[in-house]
Amino acid sequence: MPSLAIYGNHYQQGHLSGLQNFFANLPEKGFKVYVEKDFAFYLSSVGIEMGDAFIVEDFPRGVDCVVSIGGDGTFLQAAQWVGRRETPILGINTGHLGFLASYSLDDTDELLNVVAEGRWRLERRAVIEVSCSAMPEGFWPYALNEVAVLKGDSASMVNVHAEIDGYFLADYMSDGLVVSTPTGSTAYNLSLGGPILQPTLSCLVLSPIAAHSLTMRPLVVAGDSRIVLSPRSRARECRVSLDGRSFLINSGESLMLKEASFKVSVVRRPDGNFSRLLRNKLGWATSPHQ
C-alpha cells in the first residue's frame, strides 16, 4: 500500500472544495495517509473530512511521498519536516507563483495516479548548510532557497567580508548579501537582479542587496565552495536568515556556508521541463510553433 504524508498551510479558503475532493480520492487509490497535526487541525476546523488518515506530529517513517499543499514557503517548511531523509516531496500550489509545485488541486486524479504508479520525475536539489557559533540551539541549519545576511534594526549599512575556499573575495558594503542555491535563484536572488539557474546545477549565487558600489554584481561560484561571511556594522547585531527563519549575530561574528551532505527530492511532472516552467510561472512569450 503506497503511503503519503500531507503537509499544508492554513490559507486554503479559496480551495476548500478542491481539498475535499483530494482527500475523498485518497482511499479510492488505496493510499495509507498521514496528515501533519497542525494542518489536520486546520482541515477539521473548516469541515474537511480526512477519512482514516493518521494524525502525526513527527515525520512518519517509511513514507513513499510527501504532499505539500500551499505555496513555496509551505514547501520549504515541508522540506524541513522531512529533514535529511530525501523522501520525495510533491507540491500542490494553492499560493502564488509556486516554482516548487508542479500540480494544482485540479490535477488530483493525475497526480495521485503518478504517485501510485511511481511515474514521477525526481529532481535532487542542493541544500546549503550553515555553521555559526551564535546559532540558537535546535535551529535547523539548512536552507533550500537561500541564506541572507542582513543589517540589523538600524539604517546603517553592513559590511559583509566574504571569503571563498580560504581566499578573500570582497567586502560587500550594502544592506546585506544573499547566497542562493539554484532552487532559490527564482526567489530572493531574482528580485536582486541575480541570474535564473537551472535548479539541478551544482553552484551558488552571491547577490548583494543595494550595494554601495555599482561594480558589485551577482557572482556564481562552484557548488562545493566553502564560503565564510563576517558581517560588520555600526549596529551591534546583524540578522541571518535561512529560508525566512532568522537569528541575530553580533557584528564581527562569522558563519560558514557549504553544500549539505543530503539533497531535497522534488517531484516534477513526468512530461515537465524547465523551459515550460519559466514560461508558465514568469509569463514569458510562447513560441507560435508550440
Protein backbone atom coordinates (compact mmCIF):
# COMPACT_ATOMS: atom_id res chain seq x y z
CA MET A 1 0.00 0.00 0.00
CA PRO A 2 1.57 3.33 -1.03
CA SER A 3 1.74 5.91 1.73
CA LEU A 4 1.51 9.70 1.72
CA ALA A 5 2.37 12.27 4.36
CA ILE A 6 0.48 15.54 3.86
CA TYR A 7 1.71 18.96 5.00
CA GLY A 8 -0.06 22.24 4.37
CA ASN A 9 -0.68 25.81 5.46
CA HIS A 10 -3.73 27.50 6.96
CA TYR A 11 -4.59 29.73 3.99
CA GLN A 12 -6.84 27.49 1.94
CA GLN A 13 -10.14 29.39 2.00
CA GLY A 14 -10.37 29.55 -1.79
CA HIS A 15 -9.56 25.86 -2.20
CA LEU A 16 -11.83 24.01 0.23
CA SER A 17 -13.84 22.12 -2.40
CA GLY A 18 -10.62 21.06 -4.11
CA LEU A 19 -9.18 19.86 -0.81
CA GLN A 20 -12.29 17.83 -0.03
CA ASN A 21 -12.10 16.22 -3.45
CA PHE A 22 -8.40 15.49 -2.90
CA PHE A 23 -8.99 13.70 0.40
CA ALA A 24 -12.03 11.86 -0.97
CA ASN A 25 -9.88 10.39 -3.73
CA LEU A 26 -7.14 9.05 -1.45
CA PRO A 27 -8.99 5.90 -0.22
CA GLU A 28 -10.08 5.08 -3.77
CA LYS A 29 -6.41 4.98 -4.82
CA GLY A 30 -5.50 2.75 -1.85
CA PHE A 31 -3.20 5.21 -0.08
CA LYS A 32 -2.23 5.00 3.56
CA VAL A 33 -2.41 8.63 4.64
CA TYR A 34 -0.69 10.64 7.35
CA VAL A 35 -1.54 14.31 7.97
CA GLU A 36 0.70 16.69 9.93
CA LYS A 37 -1.20 17.60 13.10
CA ASP A 38 -1.39 21.41 12.70
CA PHE A 39 -2.69 21.05 9.15
CA ALA A 40 -5.10 18.35 10.30
CA PHE A 41 -6.46 20.68 12.99
CA TYR A 42 -6.98 23.39 10.38
CA LEU A 43 -8.72 21.00 7.98
CA SER A 44 -11.08 19.85 10.74
CA SER A 45 -11.86 23.47 11.64
CA VAL A 46 -13.02 24.21 8.07
CA GLY A 47 -15.01 20.99 7.71
CA ILE A 48 -12.65 18.93 5.54
CA GLU A 49 -13.09 15.20 6.15
CA MET A 50 -9.82 13.26 6.17
CA GLY A 51 -11.25 9.76 6.35
CA ASP A 52 -8.98 7.23 8.04
CA ALA A 53 -5.87 9.42 7.90
CA PHE A 54 -3.40 9.16 10.77
CA ILE A 55 -2.66 12.46 12.53
CA VAL A 56 1.06 12.82 13.28
CA GLU A 57 3.40 15.44 14.70
CA ASP A 58 6.75 13.91 13.78
CA PHE A 59 7.53 12.81 10.26
CA PRO A 60 6.39 9.16 9.87
CA ARG A 61 8.94 6.56 8.88
CA GLY A 62 8.73 4.67 5.61
CA VAL A 63 6.52 7.17 3.77
CA ASP A 64 6.71 6.92 -0.02
CA CYS A 65 5.93 10.57 -0.78
CA VAL A 66 5.18 13.87 0.93
CA VAL A 67 2.50 16.19 -0.46
CA SER A 68 2.94 19.89 0.30
CA ILE A 69 -0.25 21.95 -0.11
CA GLY A 70 0.37 25.69 -0.25
CA GLY A 71 2.95 27.97 -1.81
CA ASP A 72 6.73 27.80 -1.96
CA GLY A 73 7.00 28.84 1.69
CA THR A 74 4.92 25.81 2.68
CA PHE A 75 7.13 23.60 0.51
CA LEU A 76 10.21 24.88 2.36
CA GLN A 77 8.56 24.04 5.68
CA ALA A 78 7.65 20.58 4.40
CA ALA A 79 11.28 20.05 3.40
CA GLN A 80 12.34 20.90 6.95
CA TRP A 81 9.73 18.44 8.29
CA VAL A 82 11.18 15.72 6.06
CA GLY A 83 14.69 16.63 7.21
CA ARG A 84 17.65 14.67 5.86
CA ARG A 85 15.61 11.65 4.70
CA GLU A 86 15.38 12.68 0.99
CA THR A 87 11.78 11.46 0.79
CA PRO A 88 10.22 12.79 -2.46
CA ILE A 89 8.10 15.93 -1.98
CA LEU A 90 5.27 16.75 -4.38
CA GLY A 91 3.96 20.31 -4.34
CA ILE A 92 0.32 21.27 -4.90
CA ASN A 93 0.24 25.00 -5.43
CA THR A 94 -2.50 26.94 -3.65
CA GLY A 95 -0.29 30.01 -3.24
CA HIS A 96 1.16 32.48 -5.73
CA LEU A 97 3.89 31.56 -8.26
CA GLY A 98 4.73 28.20 -6.76
CA PHE A 99 8.02 27.42 -8.51
CA LEU A 100 8.46 24.31 -6.38
CA ALA A 101 4.98 22.94 -7.06
CA SER A 102 4.16 21.01 -10.23
CA TYR A 103 0.45 20.46 -9.63
CA SER A 104 -2.78 22.18 -8.61
CA LEU A 105 -5.82 20.68 -6.86
CA ASP A 106 -7.48 20.49 -10.27
CA ASP A 107 -4.88 17.82 -11.13
CA THR A 108 -5.86 15.49 -8.25
CA ASP A 109 -6.62 12.41 -10.36
CA GLU A 110 -3.47 12.82 -12.44
CA LEU A 111 -1.08 13.43 -9.55
CA LEU A 112 -2.44 10.54 -7.46
CA ASN A 113 -2.05 8.19 -10.42
CA VAL A 114 1.50 9.42 -10.95
CA VAL A 115 2.36 8.74 -7.30
CA ALA A 116 0.54 5.38 -7.12
CA GLU A 117 2.31 4.14 -10.25
CA GLY A 118 5.68 5.69 -9.42
CA ARG A 119 5.79 7.59 -12.73
CA TRP A 120 7.17 10.78 -11.22
CA ARG A 121 10.35 12.51 -12.29
CA LEU A 122 12.62 13.44 -9.39
CA GLU A 123 14.97 16.40 -9.24
CA ARG A 124 17.55 16.31 -6.46
CA ARG A 125 18.10 19.85 -5.21
CA ALA A 126 21.17 21.08 -3.34
CA VAL A 127 20.86 22.46 0.18
CA ILE A 128 23.10 24.98 1.98
CA GLU A 129 24.40 24.05 5.43
CA VAL A 130 25.29 26.90 7.79
CA SER A 131 27.70 26.72 10.73
CA CYS A 132 27.77 29.56 13.25
CA SER A 133 28.55 29.65 16.96
CA ALA A 134 25.71 32.13 17.53
CA MET A 135 23.05 29.85 16.02
CA PRO A 136 20.35 29.11 18.62
CA GLU A 137 20.10 25.58 19.95
CA GLY A 138 17.72 23.46 17.89
CA PHE A 139 17.75 25.83 14.90
CA TRP A 140 17.51 23.94 11.58
CA PRO A 141 20.85 24.88 9.94
CA TYR A 142 19.87 24.19 6.33
CA ALA A 143 18.39 26.26 3.51
CA LEU A 144 16.88 25.02 0.25
CA ASN A 145 16.44 28.54 -1.19
CA GLU A 146 18.94 30.95 0.30
CA VAL A 147 20.92 32.28 3.22
CA ALA A 148 20.71 36.05 3.70
CA VAL A 149 22.95 38.20 5.88
CA LEU A 150 21.08 41.41 6.62
CA LYS A 151 21.65 44.63 8.50
CA GLY A 152 20.01 44.75 11.91
CA ASP A 153 17.46 47.19 13.25
CA SER A 154 19.40 50.19 12.04
CA ALA A 155 19.60 52.32 8.93
CA SER A 156 23.37 51.79 8.81
CA MET A 157 24.62 49.56 6.02
CA VAL A 158 26.53 46.37 6.73
CA ASN A 159 29.99 45.37 5.51
CA VAL A 160 29.96 41.63 4.73
CA HIS A 161 33.53 40.34 4.49
CA ALA A 162 33.41 37.32 2.15
CA GLU A 163 35.96 34.54 1.65
CA ILE A 164 35.70 31.60 -0.73
CA ASP A 165 37.75 28.43 -0.11
CA GLY A 166 40.04 30.35 2.23
CA TYR A 167 40.69 33.27 -0.13
CA PHE A 168 39.40 36.81 0.36
CA LEU A 169 36.75 37.73 -2.22
CA ALA A 170 35.30 41.14 -1.31
CA ASP A 171 33.84 43.42 1.33
CA TYR A 172 30.20 43.88 0.38
CA MET A 173 29.17 47.36 1.56
CA SER A 174 25.40 47.03 1.25
CA ASP A 175 22.13 46.32 3.01
CA GLY A 176 23.13 42.68 3.04
CA LEU A 177 24.21 39.68 1.00
CA VAL A 178 22.18 36.71 -0.28
CA VAL A 179 23.76 33.34 -1.01
CA SER A 180 21.31 31.35 -3.12
CA THR A 181 21.06 27.78 -4.34
CA PRO A 182 19.90 27.15 -7.94
CA THR A 183 16.47 26.34 -6.47
CA GLY A 184 16.42 29.75 -4.77
CA SER A 185 17.59 31.59 -7.88
CA THR A 186 13.92 32.37 -8.67
CA ALA A 187 13.27 33.68 -5.14
CA TYR A 188 15.10 36.50 -3.30
CA ASN A 189 18.01 36.27 -5.76
CA LEU A 190 15.72 37.04 -8.70
CA SER A 191 14.42 40.24 -7.08
CA LEU A 192 18.05 41.38 -6.64
CA GLY A 193 18.81 41.01 -10.34
CA GLY A 194 20.62 37.70 -9.94
CA PRO A 195 20.62 35.04 -12.67
CA ILE A 196 17.96 32.35 -13.05
CA LEU A 197 19.68 28.97 -12.79
CA GLN A 198 18.56 25.53 -13.84
CA PRO A 199 17.69 24.06 -10.43
CA THR A 200 19.73 20.86 -10.71
CA LEU A 201 23.04 22.69 -11.32
CA SER A 202 25.83 22.50 -8.75
CA CYS A 203 26.57 26.14 -7.96
CA LEU A 204 25.76 29.03 -5.63
CA VAL A 205 24.99 32.70 -6.31
CA LEU A 206 26.20 35.62 -4.19
CA SER A 207 23.93 38.64 -4.71
CA PRO A 208 24.38 41.90 -2.78
CA ILE A 209 21.37 43.86 -1.55
CA ALA A 210 21.52 47.56 -2.54
CA ALA A 211 25.31 47.51 -2.90
CA HIS A 212 27.17 50.76 -2.22
CA SER A 213 29.30 50.16 -5.34
CA LEU A 214 27.81 49.67 -8.80
CA THR A 215 30.59 47.19 -9.61
CA MET A 216 29.30 44.72 -7.02
CA ARG A 217 27.35 42.32 -9.21
CA PRO A 218 25.85 38.85 -8.58
CA LEU A 219 28.52 36.15 -8.71
CA VAL A 220 28.13 32.43 -9.49
CA VAL A 221 30.58 30.07 -7.74
CA ALA A 222 31.02 26.29 -7.65
CA GLY A 223 28.57 24.28 -5.59
CA ASP A 224 31.33 22.72 -3.48
CA SER A 225 32.70 26.12 -2.46
CA ARG A 226 33.13 26.91 1.21
CA ILE A 227 32.02 30.44 1.90
CA VAL A 228 32.83 32.35 5.08
CA LEU A 229 30.89 35.54 5.76
CA SER A 230 31.76 38.03 8.51
CA PRO A 231 29.29 40.93 8.71
CA ARG A 232 30.32 44.13 10.43
CA SER A 233 28.07 47.07 11.18
CA ARG A 234 27.80 50.15 13.38
CA ALA A 235 24.81 48.40 14.86
CA ARG A 236 25.68 45.77 17.44
CA GLU A 237 23.86 42.97 15.64
CA CYS A 238 23.14 41.63 12.18
CA ARG A 239 20.41 39.22 11.13
CA VAL A 240 20.99 35.85 9.44
CA SER A 241 18.03 34.35 7.58
CA LEU A 242 17.72 30.79 6.28
CA ASP A 243 14.65 30.45 4.04
CA GLY A 244 12.91 33.11 6.13
CA ARG A 245 13.85 31.67 9.54
CA SER A 246 16.29 34.00 11.27
CA PHE A 247 18.53 34.65 14.24
CA LEU A 248 20.82 37.51 15.32
CA ILE A 249 24.60 37.51 15.45
CA ASN A 250 26.96 40.07 16.90
CA SER A 251 28.79 42.34 14.48
CA GLY A 252 32.08 40.69 13.53
CA GLU A 253 31.00 37.08 14.10
CA SER A 254 31.45 34.64 11.22
CA LEU A 255 29.35 31.99 9.60
CA MET A 256 30.45 29.26 7.22
CA LEU A 257 28.31 28.04 4.30
CA LYS A 258 28.77 24.81 2.36
CA GLU A 259 26.68 22.34 0.40
CA ALA A 260 24.91 19.89 2.70
CA SER A 261 25.55 16.15 2.52
CA PHE A 262 21.92 15.46 1.56
CA LYS A 263 19.57 16.82 -1.09
CA VAL A 264 15.85 17.56 -1.31
CA SER A 265 14.00 15.33 -3.77
CA VAL A 266 11.39 17.38 -5.66
CA VAL A 267 8.66 15.59 -7.64
CA ARG A 268 8.13 17.06 -11.11
CA ARG A 269 5.58 16.18 -13.78
CA PRO A 270 6.72 13.27 -15.97
CA ASP A 271 6.45 15.48 -19.06
CA GLY A 272 7.66 18.69 -17.38
CA ASN A 273 10.70 20.72 -18.38
CA PHE A 274 12.48 23.85 -17.18
CA SER A 275 11.60 25.92 -20.25
CA ARG A 276 7.88 25.32 -19.82
CA LEU A 277 8.15 26.11 -16.11
CA LEU A 278 9.70 29.51 -16.81
CA ARG A 279 7.09 30.36 -19.42
CA ASN A 280 4.21 29.37 -17.17
CA LYS A 281 5.46 30.97 -13.97
CA LEU A 282 7.06 34.13 -15.35
CA GLY A 283 4.74 34.72 -18.28
CA TRP A 284 7.47 34.62 -20.90
CA ALA A 285 6.34 34.78 -24.52
CA THR A 286 5.29 31.47 -26.01
CA SER A 287 6.51 30.46 -29.44
CA PRO A 288 3.71 30.30 -32.07
CA HIS A 289 5.09 26.89 -33.07
CA GLN A 290 4.33 25.35 -29.64
